[in-house]
Structure formats: structure tokens, C-alpha cells
Amino acid sequence: MGRAAGLASAVLATGICAVGVRAGAWHQGESLVCSDCHTIHNSERGRPMRYDQVLEPAPSLLRAADPTHLCLACHDGSRPEAPDVVAPVTYLPDPAGGWFTENPLGSENPRGHDLLPASPTPAPGGPEALVLSCTSCHGPHGTSSYRNLLLEPPGNGNAAPVFVVVNELVSPDGSNPVEVYDPANLFYKSGMAAWCNDCHNDFHGRTPNEEGSFEPWLRHPQSERISGAHGADFAHWSTPLPDRVPVESPADDEIPSSDDQVFCLSCHKAHGSDRPAGLIYADGETKVSTCQQCHNQ
């Protein structure tokens, strides 16, 4: 048997895909089991292999009708070891998840990304209409970026791949989402705002006026330090704030500190929330409670 054939046989025998192992990442390396998501014969002793118990084969030999329904087979709250993105989780002060189909992006009052749209939907602040699935943002076979985010998401706002870097005190091991998703466990370092820019590019950067200077309020600044931002109260941010919103901290893993800077996830939940535009309400009740963390008016 040749070396290539032997390797293929070993991969099939173990059910493990040949992807390089990176510590702390799930859906990669030895945690990426092909048979969790794909089936070869679409039946086992006459029983369907799809999670929805449908006998018909699915594209790419998936064990569900499409990538989103496949992801939701584990991430729907039925498996406590997998982060639940359907019901709002209790271990976050302003939880993500649970809003994907509550109020789609194309509606008058969007609350988050709509993963089951009937037709392509324009991204707010972006020129393209997109049909989203979980794999529009996440690489199911793993990537070198945080949370397996795609290096090149489906928009057209970035000319080059974007790596999102986040330090985690506790890494995912397939059984500990409560510890991993705790905001105190995450230190955002770089890349997230630029990554969002791929689809929401009109919301990023500032627009020069006729004289060529920048009007500070035409766009809310992002990836700028709170300590030097116009209108921000860094002294207030430095106090012991309850339910502190996320910030990027590129120079250290200490929050609050002088390098803290606002980015997209300081105000919005990536998977949406029960608030308009997927906003974070720091106190759980009011939008102004989020604004006043940096602007203590």
C-alpha cells in the first residue's frame, strides 16, 4: 500500500480529518471528527444517518439538510457541552444567541443576523445582499482565526484576509462553554472590527469633509483608545463598572487599562440580542447604560 493510500485508510478508520492541531481550538485537529457532520452511506443498518431522521441524502453528504441545520443539531441547547446559539444563555450578562429568526435583518427593526432568510438580504452599511448561514462566518473545518472565523468572509470590504486574535485564559475542550464564553475569560487583541468591515464597510472609519478634515461624529470611532477619544471619560471607564462592555486591549490582558479601545462588539452582539440592531444594554434595561460606560454624561 502506498503512503498516500495508507494515510487515507488511517483517516477513515479513526474518523479524524487530517487537519493540523492548534491548542484550544474546537472543530480542528483531533476534535474534528468527520462522521459528526458527514455520512458516507447515508444509513446504518437501514436507519437514517441524518440528525433530522430524513432518509434522503443531503448535499456534501451532510447529516442535515444544510450547514445551518447541521450546526444547530449540536448548538441548539440539546448538548450542554456545545455553546447554545438558539436560546439565550444564562452565563452572559447580555446573552448572544436566540435571535437569529426572531427579527431578520431585512425587517424594520433588525436584532441580529438572520440565518434562515427567504432571499438575499442587504447587510446594514454594506452594498451586497447576502444569504447567510453559520458557515458564512465560521470555517467548519477550522481556521487559524479566533472561533474558527473565516479569514475571508463573504463581503467585499476587505482586500486581504483578516485574522482575529483573542487571548483566552481557559481554552475550549468540548465540555466547558460556561468557562470559555465568560466575558472575563476573553481579551480581544486585534482584527475583529476589520473583520466586521467586510460586510458592514460603510460603518467603519470616518468620512473627511470638504476641507479634508474628519468630522468626529460622522462615524462612531472604532479601534481608537478610550483614553484619547473625543468625548470619552477615561477616568469613569477606569472605575469598577458593573457588566463592563467588551473592548479590545492590544497591549495587555488587563481591563481597564490605558490601551483599551472600543470596537464593534463593545456595542453589538455578533449573534444578535433582544435589542434593536443586536445592541448590548449594559444594565440589561437601557441603551444609555452602554454609552455611559465611556461617556459619563
Foldseek 3Di string as FASTA:
>chain_A
DDPVVVVVVVCVVVQFDPFDDDPQAALEGRNVRNLLFADDPQDDPNFGQALVRDSDAEPPRTSYNDDQVSVCSDQCPPDQLHPHQQDFDDLAPFGHHNCQPVADPQHPFDFAHNQDDPDFDADAQADDTHRHGPCLFADSNADPAPNRGWQQHDAQQDPGGFHWDKAFPDGRDSRDPSRGVRLLGIATADGPQVNVCRRNVRQADFDADPVRHGDPPPHPHFQDWLLPDPQWDVVLLQPPDQQQFHFHQNPDSDPPDRNTTHGDRLFADNNGGPHGPRGDDSVVPDSVNSVCSTRVD
